[in-house]
Amino acid sequence: MSSARRIGRFVPIGLTLVFGGCYADDHYGYCSYHCDDGYYGDSGNNPDGSIPACLSGVAGGTIDTGSYLELDPGYVAVSGEYFGDGAWRFALACDTVQPSSGLPCNYDMTVSPVNGTIESFAPEGLENGDFLGRAPGTAGSDAVNLNAVTDYDIDAFTLTATPGSTLEVSLTLDGQCALSFFFWLENGVVVSDSQTLVDLTPSAP
């Protein structure tokens, strides 16, 4: 796609405390190919600021254990959640429903263990054409990669890692750095960072 436009920031529509548990025990490869639909298109060459710029480096953050961050599918946003006992969830939303948009979001997200391991992962709400599988990790260990086209719904995946371990997140939107749109809860506050990578450590195992 060659269309481009500014996109709205994420606004949480609800915060709910939940109690976490482990998810699927088996590795899961969802479909067999990556997505190629575009969101930004050629807007990387536009001087209108429509692509969020990331700073080179790695940011560190503490993610609240046992909390849930609800996304609004009318906004461009990606959330990370940690439920405890090694159970994580990552979800993606887009602003396709907005009259000024109408375009899907092509996300590419890699979650890599900094310490410990990712034992298993499972899809949630993915469609044919989305890809979820093992990939080389940014932190030097086996990681999980999601490549998905998100439009009117929420695409997500869960994983089980070593309880309390730190996970490193990288995220692009149509090939452009998109961590400005990645959010998590820290001390009850919705936060994000504009670094190239974000390392998240649970507040409790």
C-alpha atoms as a PDB file:
ATOM      1  CA  MET A   1       0.000   0.000   0.000  1.00  0.00           C
ATOM      2  CA  SER A   2       1.117   3.522  -0.628  1.00  0.00           C
ATOM      3  CA  SER A   3      -1.342   5.303   1.636  1.00  0.00           C
ATOM      4  CA  ALA A   4      -0.076   7.011   4.769  1.00  0.00           C
ATOM      5  CA  ARG A   5      -1.514   9.145   7.510  1.00  0.00           C
ATOM      6  CA  ARG A   6      -1.011  10.110  11.089  1.00  0.00           C
ATOM      7  CA  ILE A   7      -2.300   7.694  13.673  1.00  0.00           C
ATOM      8  CA  GLY A   8      -3.841   8.241  17.066  1.00  0.00           C
ATOM      9  CA  ARG A   9      -2.156   7.330  20.308  1.00  0.00           C
ATOM     10  CA  PHE A  10      -3.367   4.450  22.433  1.00  0.00           C
ATOM     11  CA  VAL A  11      -6.027   5.077  25.065  1.00  0.00           C
ATOM     12  CA  PRO A  12      -6.746   2.253  27.522  1.00  0.00           C
ATOM     13  CA  ILE A  13     -10.437   1.520  27.953  1.00  0.00           C
ATOM     14  CA  GLY A  14     -10.124  -0.583  31.055  1.00  0.00           C
ATOM     15  CA  LEU A  15      -7.732  -2.013  33.608  1.00  0.00           C
ATOM     16  CA  THR A  16      -8.681  -5.283  35.261  1.00  0.00           C
ATOM     17  CA  LEU A  17      -6.750  -7.365  37.734  1.00  0.00           C
ATOM     18  CA  VAL A  18      -6.549 -11.030  36.845  1.00  0.00           C
ATOM     19  CA  PHE A  19      -4.842 -14.086  38.245  1.00  0.00           C
ATOM     20  CA  GLY A  20      -2.495 -15.794  35.846  1.00  0.00           C
ATOM     21  CA  GLY A  21      -1.706 -19.394  35.072  1.00  0.00           C
ATOM     22  CA  CYS A  22       0.231 -21.326  32.503  1.00  0.00           C
ATOM     23  CA  TYR A  23      -0.925 -21.595  28.905  1.00  0.00           C
ATOM     24  CA  ALA A  24      -0.536 -24.184  26.155  1.00  0.00           C
ATOM     25  CA  ASP A  25       2.173 -26.778  26.619  1.00  0.00           C
ATOM     26  CA  ASP A  26       3.025 -27.347  22.961  1.00  0.00           C
ATOM     27  CA  HIS A  27       4.917 -25.182  20.503  1.00  0.00           C
ATOM     28  CA  TYR A  28       2.584 -23.814  17.861  1.00  0.00           C
ATOM     29  CA  GLY A  29       3.351 -22.664  14.340  1.00  0.00           C
ATOM     30  CA  TYR A  30       0.337 -20.743  13.026  1.00  0.00           C
ATOM     31  CA  CYS A  31       0.299 -20.959   9.227  1.00  0.00           C
ATOM     32  CA  SER A  32       3.477 -21.089   7.208  1.00  0.00           C
ATOM     33  CA  TYR A  33       4.219 -17.665   5.778  1.00  0.00           C
ATOM     34  CA  HIS A  34       4.647 -14.030   6.757  1.00  0.00           C
ATOM     35  CA  CYS A  35       2.222 -11.276   5.947  1.00  0.00           C
ATOM     36  CA  ASP A  36       2.944  -8.657   3.321  1.00  0.00           C
ATOM     37  CA  ASP A  37       0.062  -6.184   3.551  1.00  0.00           C
ATOM     38  CA  GLY A  38       1.212  -2.669   4.411  1.00  0.00           C
ATOM     39  CA  TYR A  39       0.086  -0.033   6.892  1.00  0.00           C
ATOM     40  CA  TYR A  40       2.557   2.786   6.440  1.00  0.00           C
ATOM     41  CA  GLY A  41       3.354   1.937   2.834  1.00  0.00           C
ATOM     42  CA  ASP A  42       6.008   4.345   1.533  1.00  0.00           C
ATOM     43  CA  SER A  43       5.434   6.888   4.287  1.00  0.00           C
ATOM     44  CA  GLY A  44       8.913   6.196   5.652  1.00  0.00           C
ATOM     45  CA  ASN A  45      10.123   8.751   3.136  1.00  0.00           C
ATOM     46  CA  ASN A  46       7.541  11.357   4.123  1.00  0.00           C
ATOM     47  CA  PRO A  47       8.562  14.281   6.358  1.00  0.00           C
ATOM     48  CA  ASP A  48       5.142  14.431   8.054  1.00  0.00           C
ATOM     49  CA  GLY A  49       6.166  12.538  11.199  1.00  0.00           C
ATOM     50  CA  SER A  50       3.651   9.736  10.661  1.00  0.00           C
ATOM     51  CA  ILE A  51       6.185   7.056  11.617  1.00  0.00           C
ATOM     52  CA  PRO A  52       7.239   6.924  15.281  1.00  0.00           C
ATOM     53  CA  ALA A  53      11.013   7.188  15.551  1.00  0.00           C
ATOM     54  CA  CYS A  54      12.825   4.910  17.987  1.00  0.00           C
ATOM     55  CA  LEU A  55      16.071   5.794  19.711  1.00  0.00           C
ATOM     56  CA  SER A  56      18.950   3.380  19.357  1.00  0.00           C
ATOM     57  CA  GLY A  57      19.371   1.339  22.520  1.00  0.00           C
ATOM     58  CA  VAL A  58      17.622  -0.869  25.030  1.00  0.00           C
ATOM     59  CA  ALA A  59      15.146   0.429  27.604  1.00  0.00           C
ATOM     60  CA  GLY A  60      14.392  -1.386  30.841  1.00  0.00           C
ATOM     61  CA  GLY A  61      10.996  -1.593  32.451  1.00  0.00           C
ATOM     62  CA  THR A  62       9.181  -3.356  35.264  1.00  0.00           C
ATOM     63  CA  ILE A  63       5.865  -4.913  34.297  1.00  0.00           C
ATOM     64  CA  ASP A  64       3.214  -5.343  36.991  1.00  0.00           C
ATOM     65  CA  THR A  65       2.483  -8.955  37.869  1.00  0.00           C
ATOM     66  CA  GLY A  66      -1.166 -10.018  37.850  1.00  0.00           C
ATOM     67  CA  SER A  67      -2.652  -7.121  35.883  1.00  0.00           C
ATOM     68  CA  TYR A  68      -4.554  -6.908  32.595  1.00  0.00           C
ATOM     69  CA  LEU A  69      -4.375  -4.134  30.004  1.00  0.00           C
ATOM     70  CA  GLU A  70      -7.347  -3.954  27.635  1.00  0.00           C
ATOM     71  CA  LEU A  71      -6.831  -2.613  24.121  1.00  0.00           C
ATOM     72  CA  ASP A  72      -9.296  -0.616  22.041  1.00  0.00           C
ATOM     73  CA  PRO A  73      -9.378  -1.983  18.457  1.00  0.00           C
ATOM     74  CA  GLY A  74      -9.974   1.578  17.226  1.00  0.00           C
ATOM     75  CA  TYR A  75      -6.398   2.622  18.030  1.00  0.00           C
ATOM     76  CA  VAL A  76      -2.907   1.548  16.997  1.00  0.00           C
ATOM     77  CA  ALA A  77      -1.434  -0.164  20.056  1.00  0.00           C
ATOM     78  CA  VAL A  78       0.342  -3.280  21.286  1.00  0.00           C
ATOM     79  CA  SER A  79       0.221  -4.435  24.894  1.00  0.00           C
ATOM     80  CA  GLY A  80       2.357  -6.677  27.062  1.00  0.00           C
ATOM     81  CA  GLU A  81       0.931  -8.373  30.147  1.00  0.00           C
ATOM     82  CA  TYR A  82       2.386 -10.634  32.812  1.00  0.00           C
ATOM     83  CA  PHE A  83      -0.005 -12.738  34.849  1.00  0.00           C
ATOM     84  CA  GLY A  84       2.512 -14.498  37.092  1.00  0.00           C
ATOM     85  CA  ASP A  85       4.018 -17.996  37.170  1.00  0.00           C
ATOM     86  CA  GLY A  86       5.740 -17.355  33.844  1.00  0.00           C
ATOM     87  CA  ALA A  87       2.509 -16.601  31.918  1.00  0.00           C
ATOM     88  CA  TRP A  88       2.659 -13.672  29.443  1.00  0.00           C
ATOM     89  CA  ARG A  89       0.258 -12.265  26.846  1.00  0.00           C
ATOM     90  CA  PHE A  90       0.960  -9.875  23.969  1.00  0.00           C
ATOM     91  CA  ALA A  91      -1.908  -8.288  22.006  1.00  0.00           C
ATOM     92  CA  LEU A  92      -2.130  -6.049  18.929  1.00  0.00           C
ATOM     93  CA  ALA A  93      -4.796  -3.558  17.812  1.00  0.00           C
ATOM     94  CA  CYS A  94      -5.182  -1.227  14.826  1.00  0.00           C
ATOM     95  CA  ASP A  95      -7.213   1.878  13.899  1.00  0.00           C
ATOM     96  CA  THR A  96      -8.689   0.353  10.721  1.00  0.00           C
ATOM     97  CA  VAL A  97     -12.194   1.168  11.936  1.00  0.00           C
ATOM     98  CA  GLN A  98     -11.451   4.909  11.994  1.00  0.00           C
ATOM     99  CA  PRO A  99     -12.940   6.800   8.985  1.00  0.00           C
ATOM    100  CA  SER A 100      -9.581   8.480   8.348  1.00  0.00           C
ATOM    101  CA  SER A 101      -7.811   5.130   8.240  1.00  0.00           C
ATOM    102  CA  GLY A 102      -9.312   2.014   6.678  1.00  0.00           C
ATOM    103  CA  LEU A 103      -5.847   0.437   6.465  1.00  0.00           C
ATOM    104  CA  PRO A 104      -4.662  -2.685   8.322  1.00  0.00           C
ATOM    105  CA  CYS A 105      -1.557  -2.831  10.512  1.00  0.00           C
ATOM    106  CA  ASN A 106       1.223  -5.228   9.538  1.00  0.00           C
ATOM    107  CA  TYR A 107       3.003  -5.987  12.808  1.00  0.00           C
ATOM    108  CA  ASP A 108       6.225  -7.923  13.280  1.00  0.00           C
ATOM    109  CA  MET A 109       6.962  -8.650  16.941  1.00  0.00           C
ATOM    110  CA  THR A 110       9.757 -10.697  18.466  1.00  0.00           C
ATOM    111  CA  VAL A 111       9.887 -11.613  22.155  1.00  0.00           C
ATOM    112  CA  SER A 112      13.258 -12.944  23.287  1.00  0.00           C
ATOM    113  CA  PRO A 113      14.335 -14.250  26.717  1.00  0.00           C
ATOM    114  CA  VAL A 114      17.184 -12.262  28.289  1.00  0.00           C
ATOM    115  CA  ASN A 115      17.494 -14.888  30.994  1.00  0.00           C
ATOM    116  CA  GLY A 116      15.598 -18.115  31.406  1.00  0.00           C
ATOM    117  CA  THR A 117      13.741 -19.707  28.502  1.00  0.00           C
ATOM    118  CA  ILE A 118      10.440 -19.511  26.652  1.00  0.00           C
ATOM    119  CA  GLU A 119       8.969 -22.951  27.163  1.00  0.00           C
ATOM    120  CA  SER A 120       5.801 -22.753  25.069  1.00  0.00           C
ATOM    121  CA  PHE A 121       3.519 -20.378  23.208  1.00  0.00           C
ATOM    122  CA  ALA A 122       0.038 -20.376  21.649  1.00  0.00           C
ATOM    123  CA  PRO A 123      -2.029 -18.177  19.291  1.00  0.00           C
ATOM    124  CA  GLU A 124      -5.071 -16.162  20.294  1.00  0.00           C
ATOM    125  CA  GLY A 125      -7.403 -14.766  17.642  1.00  0.00           C
ATOM    126  CA  LEU A 126      -4.970 -15.169  14.737  1.00  0.00           C
ATOM    127  CA  GLU A 127      -6.119 -15.693  11.163  1.00  0.00           C
ATOM    128  CA  ASN A 128      -4.836 -17.512   8.087  1.00  0.00           C
ATOM    129  CA  GLY A 129      -1.874 -15.553   6.824  1.00  0.00           C
ATOM    130  CA  ASP A 130      -0.606 -14.685  10.305  1.00  0.00           C
ATOM    131  CA  PHE A 131       2.601 -16.382  11.439  1.00  0.00           C
ATOM    132  CA  LEU A 132       3.548 -17.400  14.976  1.00  0.00           C
ATOM    133  CA  GLY A 133       6.670 -19.457  15.518  1.00  0.00           C
ATOM    134  CA  ARG A 134      10.206 -19.764  16.849  1.00  0.00           C
ATOM    135  CA  ALA A 135      12.780 -17.265  15.631  1.00  0.00           C
ATOM    136  CA  PRO A 136      16.316 -16.080  16.455  1.00  0.00           C
ATOM    137  CA  GLY A 137      16.223 -13.887  19.529  1.00  0.00           C
ATOM    138  CA  THR A 138      17.466 -10.319  19.828  1.00  0.00           C
ATOM    139  CA  ALA A 139      18.929 -11.261  23.214  1.00  0.00           C
ATOM    140  CA  GLY A 140      20.776 -14.289  21.865  1.00  0.00           C
ATOM    141  CA  SER A 141      18.266 -16.985  22.768  1.00  0.00           C
ATOM    142  CA  ASP A 142      15.410 -18.752  20.994  1.00  0.00           C
ATOM    143  CA  ALA A 143      12.524 -16.304  20.698  1.00  0.00           C
ATOM    144  CA  VAL A 144       8.905 -16.199  19.563  1.00  0.00           C
ATOM    145  CA  ASN A 145       7.963 -14.154  16.504  1.00  0.00           C
ATOM    146  CA  LEU A 146       4.507 -12.952  15.472  1.00  0.00           C
ATOM    147  CA  ASN A 147       3.969 -11.493  12.012  1.00  0.00           C
ATOM    148  CA  ALA A 148       0.321 -10.520  11.648  1.00  0.00           C
ATOM    149  CA  VAL A 149      -2.019  -8.260   9.739  1.00  0.00           C
ATOM    150  CA  THR A 150      -4.388  -6.719  12.279  1.00  0.00           C
ATOM    151  CA  ASP A 151      -7.498  -4.751  11.320  1.00  0.00           C
ATOM    152  CA  TYR A 152     -10.856  -4.796  13.129  1.00  0.00           C
ATOM    153  CA  ASP A 153     -10.053  -7.326  15.840  1.00  0.00           C
ATOM    154  CA  ILE A 154      -7.383  -8.067  18.423  1.00  0.00           C
ATOM    155  CA  ASP A 155      -4.563 -10.418  17.450  1.00  0.00           C
ATOM    156  CA  ALA A 156      -2.635 -11.931  20.325  1.00  0.00           C
ATOM    157  CA  PHE A 157      -0.465 -14.741  21.594  1.00  0.00           C
ATOM    158  CA  THR A 158       0.435 -16.158  24.973  1.00  0.00           C
ATOM    159  CA  LEU A 159       3.655 -17.715  26.157  1.00  0.00           C
ATOM    160  CA  THR A 160       5.090 -19.450  29.164  1.00  0.00           C
ATOM    161  CA  ALA A 161       8.604 -18.477  30.237  1.00  0.00           C
ATOM    162  CA  THR A 162      10.775 -19.074  33.261  1.00  0.00           C
ATOM    163  CA  PRO A 163       8.870 -17.352  36.104  1.00  0.00           C
ATOM    164  CA  GLY A 164      10.286 -13.910  36.839  1.00  0.00           C
ATOM    165  CA  SER A 165      12.623 -13.887  33.841  1.00  0.00           C
ATOM    166  CA  THR A 166      13.210 -10.789  31.709  1.00  0.00           C
ATOM    167  CA  LEU A 167      11.887 -10.714  28.147  1.00  0.00           C
ATOM    168  CA  GLU A 168      13.159  -8.416  25.399  1.00  0.00           C
ATOM    169  CA  VAL A 169      10.614  -6.997  22.941  1.00  0.00           C
ATOM    170  CA  SER A 170      11.185  -5.675  19.431  1.00  0.00           C
ATOM    171  CA  LEU A 171       8.304  -4.380  17.316  1.00  0.00           C
ATOM    172  CA  THR A 172       7.852  -2.996  13.815  1.00  0.00           C
ATOM    173  CA  LEU A 173       4.789  -1.689  11.999  1.00  0.00           C
ATOM    174  CA  ASP A 174       5.108  -2.174   8.237  1.00  0.00           C
ATOM    175  CA  GLY A 175       8.867  -2.441   8.634  1.00  0.00           C
ATOM    176  CA  GLN A 176       9.216   0.706  10.744  1.00  0.00           C
ATOM    177  CA  CYS A 177      10.164   0.847  14.414  1.00  0.00           C
ATOM    178  CA  ALA A 178       6.934   0.868  16.431  1.00  0.00           C
ATOM    179  CA  LEU A 179       7.857   0.511  20.101  1.00  0.00           C
ATOM    180  CA  SER A 180       6.295   3.925  20.707  1.00  0.00           C
ATOM    181  CA  PHE A 181       3.015   2.008  20.390  1.00  0.00           C
ATOM    182  CA  PHE A 182       3.982  -0.781  22.817  1.00  0.00           C
ATOM    183  CA  PHE A 183       2.458  -0.401  26.292  1.00  0.00           C
ATOM    184  CA  TRP A 184       2.582  -2.160  29.641  1.00  0.00           C
ATOM    185  CA  LEU A 185       1.543  -1.460  33.230  1.00  0.00           C
ATOM    186  CA  GLU A 186       4.238  -0.293  35.643  1.00  0.00           C
ATOM    187  CA  ASN A 187       3.163   0.538  39.197  1.00  0.00           C
ATOM    188  CA  GLY A 188      -0.402   0.757  37.921  1.00  0.00           C
ATOM    189  CA  VAL A 189       0.480   3.312  35.229  1.00  0.00           C
ATOM    190  CA  VAL A 190       0.341   2.710  31.467  1.00  0.00           C
ATOM    191  CA  VAL A 191       3.834   3.367  30.105  1.00  0.00           C
ATOM    192  CA  SER A 192       5.798   3.007  26.847  1.00  0.00           C
ATOM    193  CA  ASP A 193       9.290   3.793  25.591  1.00  0.00           C
ATOM    194  CA  SER A 194      10.853   4.935  22.346  1.00  0.00           C
ATOM    195  CA  GLN A 195      14.004   2.808  22.426  1.00  0.00           C
ATOM    196  CA  THR A 196      14.729   0.217  19.739  1.00  0.00           C
ATOM    197  CA  LEU A 197      14.299  -2.622  22.255  1.00  0.00           C
ATOM    198  CA  VAL A 198      12.512  -2.912  25.599  1.00  0.00           C
ATOM    199  CA  ASP A 199      13.478  -5.345  28.349  1.00  0.00           C
ATOM    200  CA  LEU A 200      10.581  -6.155  30.693  1.00  0.00           C
ATOM    201  CA  THR A 201      11.108  -7.694  34.124  1.00  0.00           C
ATOM    202  CA  PRO A 202       8.084  -8.806  36.182  1.00  0.00           C
ATOM    203  CA  SER A 203       7.520  -7.071  39.502  1.00  0.00           C
ATOM    204  CA  ALA A 204       7.126 -10.549  41.039  1.00  0.00           C
ATOM    205  CA  PRO A 205       7.635 -14.090  39.678  1.00  0.00           C
END
